[in-house]
Protein backbone atom coordinates (compact mmCIF):
# COMPACT_ATOMS: atom_id res chain seq x y z
CA LYS A 1 -90.57 -8.34 -56.48
CA GLN A 2 -88.28 -10.31 -58.70
CA GLY A 3 -87.05 -13.74 -57.83
CA PRO A 4 -83.36 -14.66 -57.84
CA PRO A 5 -81.65 -14.66 -61.26
CA PHE A 6 -81.39 -18.46 -61.24
CA GLU A 7 -83.75 -21.14 -62.46
CA THR A 8 -81.84 -23.73 -60.40
CA LEU A 9 -79.82 -23.48 -57.20
CA SER A 10 -77.22 -26.19 -56.53
CA LEU A 11 -76.34 -27.16 -52.98
CA ASN A 12 -73.00 -28.46 -51.73
CA LEU A 13 -73.45 -30.42 -48.50
CA PHE A 14 -70.62 -30.52 -45.94
CA VAL A 15 -70.26 -32.92 -43.01
CA ASP A 16 -67.38 -32.84 -40.56
CA GLY A 17 -66.68 -33.26 -36.87
CA LEU A 18 -64.81 -30.84 -34.65
CA PRO A 19 -63.85 -30.93 -30.96
CA LEU A 20 -65.13 -28.13 -28.74
CA TYR A 21 -62.45 -28.24 -26.05
CA LYS A 22 -58.95 -29.69 -25.77
CA SER A 23 -59.75 -31.02 -22.29
CA SER A 24 -63.04 -32.68 -23.22
CA SER A 25 -64.32 -35.28 -25.68
CA LEU A 26 -67.37 -33.14 -26.43
CA GLN A 27 -67.68 -32.49 -30.17
CA PHE A 28 -69.94 -30.99 -32.81
CA TRP A 29 -70.91 -32.78 -36.03
CA PRO A 30 -72.54 -30.02 -38.09
CA ILE A 31 -74.31 -30.49 -41.42
CA LEU A 32 -73.63 -27.38 -43.48
CA PHE A 33 -74.44 -26.35 -47.02
CA ASN A 34 -73.65 -23.56 -49.43
CA ILE A 35 -75.14 -22.45 -52.74
CA HIS A 36 -72.83 -23.11 -55.66
CA GLU A 37 -74.27 -20.31 -57.82
CA MET A 38 -73.81 -17.80 -54.97
CA PRO A 39 -70.21 -18.26 -53.77
CA ASN A 40 -70.23 -15.02 -51.78
CA VAL A 41 -73.05 -16.27 -49.56
CA ARG A 42 -71.58 -17.86 -46.43
CA PRO A 43 -72.30 -21.53 -45.66
CA MET A 44 -75.49 -22.17 -43.71
CA ILE A 45 -76.40 -24.69 -41.03
CA ALA A 46 -78.79 -27.52 -41.82
CA GLY A 47 -78.29 -29.30 -38.48
CA ILE A 48 -75.82 -29.92 -35.66
CA PHE A 49 -75.18 -33.06 -33.63
CA CYS A 50 -73.42 -32.66 -30.27
CA GLY A 51 -72.05 -35.51 -28.21
CA ASN A 52 -68.97 -37.13 -26.66
CA THR A 53 -68.48 -39.29 -29.75
CA LYS A 54 -69.41 -39.05 -33.41
CA PRO A 55 -73.05 -39.85 -34.24
CA GLY A 56 -73.61 -43.55 -33.77
CA ASN A 57 -76.48 -43.92 -36.20
CA ALA A 58 -76.46 -42.39 -39.68
CA ASP A 59 -80.22 -42.81 -40.07
CA GLU A 60 -80.92 -40.74 -36.97
CA TYR A 61 -78.21 -38.19 -37.83
CA LEU A 62 -79.50 -37.60 -41.37
CA LYS A 63 -83.23 -38.26 -40.89
CA LYS A 64 -84.54 -34.68 -40.89
CA LEU A 65 -82.16 -33.61 -43.65
CA VAL A 66 -83.20 -36.48 -45.90
CA GLU A 67 -86.90 -35.83 -45.26
CA GLU A 68 -86.53 -32.19 -46.28
CA LEU A 69 -84.40 -32.97 -49.33
CA LYS A 70 -86.98 -35.50 -50.54
CA ILE A 71 -89.42 -32.61 -50.79
CA ILE A 72 -87.37 -29.70 -52.10
CA LEU A 73 -85.39 -31.71 -54.67
CA VAL A 74 -88.67 -32.79 -56.27
CA LYS A 75 -90.87 -29.74 -55.78
CA GLY A 76 -88.26 -26.98 -55.58
CA THR A 77 -88.78 -23.93 -53.39
CA THR A 78 -90.68 -20.68 -53.87
CA ILE A 79 -88.84 -17.37 -53.56
CA ASN A 80 -90.80 -14.15 -54.05
CA GLY A 81 -93.51 -16.08 -55.82
CA VAL A 82 -91.09 -17.78 -58.22
CA THR A 83 -90.47 -21.53 -58.03
CA ILE A 84 -86.75 -22.35 -58.06
CA ALA A 85 -85.49 -25.87 -58.73
CA ILE A 86 -83.09 -27.22 -56.11
CA LYS A 87 -80.30 -29.66 -56.92
CA LEU A 88 -77.94 -31.48 -54.56
CA ARG A 89 -74.60 -31.02 -56.30
CA ALA A 90 -72.12 -32.80 -54.04
CA VAL A 91 -71.63 -34.31 -50.59
CA ILE A 92 -68.25 -33.30 -49.15
CA ALA A 93 -66.69 -34.87 -46.06
CA ASP A 94 -63.42 -36.38 -44.87
CA SER A 95 -62.71 -40.10 -45.31
CA PRO A 96 -64.21 -41.44 -42.03
CA ALA A 97 -67.32 -39.28 -42.42
CA ARG A 98 -67.87 -40.42 -46.02
CA CYS A 99 -67.78 -44.06 -44.97
CA PHE A 100 -70.16 -43.35 -42.09
CA LEU A 101 -72.65 -41.56 -44.37
CA LYS A 102 -72.54 -44.24 -47.08
CA GLY A 103 -72.55 -47.20 -44.72
CA VAL A 104 -69.45 -48.75 -46.26
CA THR A 105 -66.27 -50.33 -44.95
CA ASN A 106 -63.74 -48.07 -43.23
CA PHE A 107 -61.65 -45.88 -45.53
CA ASN A 108 -58.44 -47.90 -45.02
CA GLY A 109 -60.09 -51.31 -45.28
CA TYR A 110 -59.71 -54.05 -47.88
CA ASN A 111 -62.66 -52.96 -50.09
CA SER A 112 -62.85 -49.35 -48.99
CA CYS A 113 -62.48 -47.26 -52.15
CA LEU A 114 -65.69 -45.35 -52.83
CA LYS A 115 -64.99 -44.99 -56.55
CA CYS A 116 -63.43 -48.23 -57.77
CA THR A 117 -63.16 -51.91 -56.92
CA CYS A 118 -59.48 -51.79 -55.99
CA HIS A 119 -58.72 -54.43 -53.35
CA GLY A 120 -56.43 -53.50 -50.50
CA GLU A 121 -53.45 -55.67 -49.70
CA TYR A 122 -52.14 -56.18 -46.18
CA ASN A 123 -48.61 -54.86 -45.73
CA HIS A 124 -46.62 -56.48 -42.94
CA ASP A 125 -44.24 -53.53 -42.61
CA SER A 126 -46.93 -50.92 -41.99
CA HIS A 127 -49.53 -53.37 -40.58
CA THR A 128 -52.16 -51.69 -42.75
CA ASP A 129 -53.92 -52.29 -46.03
CA ILE A 130 -52.24 -50.64 -49.01
CA PHE A 131 -53.67 -49.95 -52.45
CA LYS A 132 -51.62 -50.90 -55.51
CA GLY A 133 -52.23 -50.36 -59.20
CA VAL A 134 -53.87 -47.62 -61.22
CA ASN A 135 -56.43 -49.21 -63.56
CA HIS A 136 -59.33 -50.64 -61.59
CA LYS A 137 -62.98 -51.19 -62.51
CA MET A 138 -65.14 -48.24 -61.49
CA ARG A 139 -68.14 -48.63 -59.21
CA THR A 140 -71.57 -47.57 -60.47
CA ASP A 141 -74.62 -46.04 -58.83
CA LYS A 142 -76.77 -48.85 -60.26
CA ASN A 143 -74.66 -51.57 -58.67
CA PHE A 144 -74.41 -49.72 -55.37
CA ARG A 145 -78.19 -49.40 -55.17
CA ALA A 146 -78.52 -53.08 -56.07
CA LYS A 147 -76.14 -53.89 -53.16
CA ALA A 148 -73.78 -55.61 -55.58
CA TYR A 149 -70.67 -54.62 -53.59
CA ARG A 150 -71.15 -57.00 -50.70
CA GLN A 151 -67.67 -56.68 -49.23
CA HIS A 152 -67.84 -52.89 -49.55
CA GLN A 153 -71.36 -52.12 -48.32
CA LYS A 154 -71.97 -52.75 -44.62
CA LYS A 155 -75.21 -50.88 -43.89
CA CYS A 156 -78.07 -49.41 -45.87
CA SER A 157 -77.30 -45.70 -46.20
CA PRO A 158 -80.05 -43.11 -45.62
CA LEU A 159 -78.52 -41.20 -48.54
CA LEU A 160 -80.16 -43.76 -50.84
CA GLU A 161 -83.49 -42.06 -50.17
CA ILE A 162 -82.34 -38.70 -51.54
CA PRO A 163 -83.81 -38.17 -55.03
CA PHE A 164 -81.46 -37.91 -58.00
CA LEU A 165 -78.32 -38.48 -55.88
CA ASN A 166 -75.63 -40.54 -57.63
CA MET A 167 -74.09 -42.52 -54.79
CA ILE A 168 -70.73 -42.86 -56.56
CA ARG A 169 -70.26 -39.62 -58.50
CA ASP A 170 -71.82 -37.11 -56.11
CA ILE A 171 -70.05 -38.17 -52.90
CA ILE A 172 -66.61 -36.88 -53.68
CA VAL A 173 -63.22 -38.18 -52.57
CA SER A 174 -60.92 -35.59 -54.12
CA ASP A 175 -61.74 -32.52 -52.05
CA ARG A 176 -58.86 -30.08 -51.93
CA LEU A 177 -58.82 -29.69 -48.16
CA HIS A 178 -58.72 -33.30 -46.97
CA LEU A 179 -57.09 -35.15 -49.85
CA ILE A 180 -54.46 -32.77 -51.15
CA ASP A 181 -53.60 -30.02 -48.65
CA LEU A 182 -54.11 -31.78 -45.31
CA GLY A 183 -53.62 -35.19 -46.94
CA VAL A 184 -50.88 -35.89 -49.47
CA GLN A 185 -48.97 -32.58 -49.21
CA ARG A 186 -48.95 -32.62 -45.41
CA ARG A 187 -47.78 -36.24 -45.38
CA LEU A 188 -44.92 -35.46 -47.75
CA LEU A 189 -43.69 -32.50 -45.71
CA LEU A 190 -43.86 -34.40 -42.43
CA GLY A 191 -42.14 -37.37 -44.04
CA TRP A 192 -39.30 -35.28 -45.46
CA ARG A 193 -38.81 -33.44 -42.18
CA ASP A 194 -38.97 -36.46 -39.85
CA GLY A 195 -37.71 -39.23 -42.12
CA THR A 196 -40.99 -41.14 -41.79
CA LEU A 197 -41.11 -41.70 -45.56
CA GLY A 198 -37.69 -43.32 -45.56
CA LEU A 199 -34.31 -41.97 -44.52
CA HIS A 200 -33.20 -41.38 -48.12
CA ALA A 201 -35.76 -38.57 -48.38
CA LYS A 202 -35.09 -37.08 -44.92
CA LEU A 203 -34.06 -33.45 -44.79
CA SER A 204 -30.98 -32.57 -42.78
CA ALA A 205 -31.26 -30.28 -39.77
CA SER A 206 -29.51 -27.50 -41.68
CA ALA A 207 -31.87 -27.92 -44.65
CA ILE A 208 -34.91 -27.74 -42.35
CA SER A 209 -33.59 -24.54 -40.80
CA GLU A 210 -32.75 -23.05 -44.19
CA ILE A 211 -36.17 -23.88 -45.65
CA SER A 212 -37.95 -22.49 -42.59
CA GLU A 213 -36.10 -19.19 -42.83
CA PHE A 214 -36.74 -19.01 -46.58
CA LEU A 215 -40.45 -19.70 -46.16
CA GLN A 216 -40.87 -16.92 -43.61
CA ARG A 217 -39.24 -14.43 -45.98
CA ILE A 218 -41.50 -15.28 -48.93
CA LYS A 219 -43.95 -12.61 -50.04
CA LEU A 220 -47.03 -14.45 -51.26
CA PRO A 221 -49.62 -13.06 -53.71
CA SER A 222 -51.91 -10.46 -52.16
CA GLU A 223 -54.95 -12.76 -52.24
CA ILE A 224 -53.20 -15.17 -49.82
CA HIS A 225 -53.45 -13.72 -46.34
CA ARG A 226 -51.73 -16.41 -44.28
CA PRO A 227 -47.90 -16.23 -44.33
CA PHE A 228 -45.71 -19.30 -43.96
CA ARG A 229 -44.42 -20.53 -40.64
CA GLY A 230 -41.36 -22.72 -40.12
CA LEU A 231 -41.23 -26.48 -40.60
CA ASN A 232 -40.80 -26.87 -36.83
CA VAL A 233 -44.51 -26.07 -36.39
CA LEU A 234 -45.85 -28.16 -39.28
CA LYS A 235 -48.48 -29.78 -37.06
CA TYR A 236 -50.05 -26.34 -36.61
CA TRP A 237 -50.05 -25.41 -40.29
CA LYS A 238 -53.45 -24.67 -41.83
CA ALA A 239 -54.63 -26.08 -45.14
CA THR A 240 -53.89 -22.76 -46.87
CA GLU A 241 -50.22 -23.04 -45.89
CA PHE A 242 -49.91 -26.50 -47.41
CA SER A 243 -51.70 -25.27 -50.52
CA SER A 244 -49.36 -22.28 -50.83
CA PHE A 245 -46.37 -24.58 -50.36
CA LEU A 246 -47.55 -26.85 -53.17
CA HIS A 247 -48.32 -24.05 -55.63
CA TYR A 248 -45.67 -21.44 -54.84
CA ALA A 249 -42.85 -22.37 -52.48
CA GLY A 250 -42.21 -26.08 -52.91
CA ILE A 251 -40.65 -26.08 -56.37
CA VAL A 252 -38.11 -23.48 -55.19
CA VAL A 253 -37.18 -24.49 -51.64
CA LEU A 254 -36.99 -28.24 -52.35
CA LYS A 255 -34.93 -28.14 -55.53
CA ASP A 256 -31.46 -28.36 -54.03
CA VAL A 257 -32.27 -30.22 -50.81
CA LEU A 258 -34.14 -33.34 -51.98
CA PRO A 259 -32.59 -36.08 -54.13
CA ASP A 260 -33.37 -35.44 -57.79
CA TYR A 261 -35.71 -38.43 -58.16
CA VAL A 262 -37.68 -37.37 -55.05
CA TYR A 263 -37.89 -33.77 -56.27
CA ASN A 264 -38.96 -34.84 -59.78
CA HIS A 265 -41.63 -37.04 -58.22
CA PHE A 266 -42.94 -34.01 -56.30
CA LEU A 267 -43.04 -32.05 -59.57
CA LEU A 268 -45.64 -34.50 -60.90
CA LEU A 269 -47.94 -33.51 -58.04
CA PHE A 270 -47.20 -29.80 -58.43
CA CYS A 271 -47.84 -29.77 -62.18
CA SER A 272 -50.96 -31.94 -62.14
CA ILE A 273 -52.74 -30.16 -59.29
CA THR A 274 -51.80 -26.74 -60.67
CA MET A 275 -53.27 -27.66 -64.05
CA LEU A 276 -56.43 -29.09 -62.50
CA SER A 277 -56.91 -25.99 -60.33
CA THR A 278 -57.97 -23.73 -63.20
CA ASN A 279 -59.98 -23.90 -66.40
CA VAL A 280 -57.09 -22.16 -68.16
CA TYR A 281 -55.49 -25.60 -68.62
CA LYS A 282 -58.74 -27.44 -69.32
CA ASN A 283 -57.51 -28.71 -72.69
CA ASN A 284 -54.58 -30.35 -70.91
CA TRP A 285 -56.44 -31.85 -67.97
CA HIS A 286 -55.99 -35.27 -69.53
CA VAL A 287 -52.22 -34.71 -69.29
CA ALA A 288 -52.60 -33.85 -65.61
CA ASN A 289 -54.48 -37.13 -65.18
CA GLU A 290 -51.56 -39.07 -66.63
CA MET A 291 -49.20 -37.18 -64.32
CA LEU A 292 -51.24 -38.16 -61.28
CA LYS A 293 -51.23 -41.79 -62.39
CA GLU A 294 -47.46 -41.61 -62.79
CA PHE A 295 -47.17 -39.99 -59.35
CA VAL A 296 -49.06 -42.91 -57.81
CA VAL A 297 -47.07 -45.52 -59.78
CA GLN A 298 -43.76 -43.96 -58.72
CA TYR A 299 -44.83 -43.45 -55.11
CA SER A 300 -43.95 -47.00 -54.15
CA ASN A 301 -40.62 -46.79 -56.00
CA VAL A 302 -39.68 -43.57 -54.21
CA TYR A 303 -40.99 -44.33 -50.72
CA GLY A 304 -41.98 -48.00 -50.61
CA ASP A 305 -45.20 -50.01 -50.93
CA LYS A 306 -46.12 -49.54 -47.28
CA PHE A 307 -46.89 -45.86 -47.91
CA LEU A 308 -49.53 -46.52 -50.59
CA THR A 309 -52.35 -45.25 -48.41
CA SER A 310 -55.95 -44.54 -49.40
CA ASN A 311 -55.07 -40.85 -49.88
CA VAL A 312 -52.42 -41.73 -52.45
CA HIS A 313 -54.84 -44.10 -54.19
CA ASN A 314 -57.61 -41.48 -54.30
CA LEU A 315 -55.41 -39.23 -56.42
CA LEU A 316 -56.39 -41.57 -59.24
CA HIS A 317 -59.97 -40.29 -59.00
CA VAL A 318 -59.22 -36.57 -59.00
CA TYR A 319 -59.45 -36.16 -62.77
CA ASP A 320 -62.91 -37.73 -63.11
CA GLU A 321 -64.31 -35.51 -60.38
CA VAL A 322 -62.58 -32.40 -61.71
CA PHE A 323 -63.93 -33.14 -65.19
CA PHE A 324 -67.47 -33.36 -63.82
CA PHE A 325 -67.26 -30.50 -61.30
CA ARG A 326 -65.06 -28.34 -63.58
CA THR A 327 -61.94 -27.68 -61.40
CA VAL A 328 -60.21 -29.20 -58.39
CA ASN A 329 -61.08 -26.01 -56.47
CA TYR A 330 -64.85 -26.50 -56.64
CA PHE A 331 -64.77 -27.02 -52.89
CA VAL A 332 -62.32 -24.27 -51.90
CA ASN A 333 -64.91 -22.54 -49.75
CA LEU A 334 -65.22 -25.48 -47.38
CA PRO A 335 -66.60 -24.09 -44.12
CA VAL A 336 -63.75 -25.06 -41.80
């Protein structure tokens, strides 16, 4: 028998929590993984935690996983008599889960950025920490392991025991699902609909109705199987709907209903994420990076400082991760 046609298999590790019932606090926290070189193979289960709250102890939650990774990442695994090297490619989770796994300050805290040393600033209007600026010193794996980030690191992470894992590069912040689709794009749409990003960007009732009707008439490309629903049910939209809005519908339906400066600001997001979503524009990814920086810089001018959340700040780190992982869609098959 022949072994698989790969000398190395790369694993993407996924951690997320999900409620089991609407009437109960019971929840699952599964640890899933897929094989990057075999995208058609469905994600597999490495472990599942079940409880009324999220896991309280990262060491206990990750213990068996870490023990197994310490073996297979060094020795590989044998398939049909052939030894295959195993690599941990990326750890993918939402913001609270990332902080839990790394043992660092909460994602919206003063020193919370996983990638850079940006310091949050308390905003009295929003009563939260906001994140200003675009050029901050990047964190390094060496300094993280040396516990040099004292205000950032709260606990010793069990991930430190995993061989060859870069604690800064390999634990990503710019995953498509949480940062862009269910993060920034969802926040923009809710803000425009409800006026929660400032009344000057609020859509009128007639515009909301018109956009909703337009969206439901749109015929999307055949590979997209979920049609649009109206803006009145935005809280039920799936990530694919927000993604389709960003890439297909937004530039059309928003053009004549948003103020020009708000619409032009949205175009920066549309152009940059579209370019970073495919290798076709690889030679211009650096341009997309500048667009994302400009989007973040203008965000406070368009909506106000109090809306400079961690999600907006993390757009500054998309380019570096896309450059390393090859496109912003390297995580599109998130098992959710």
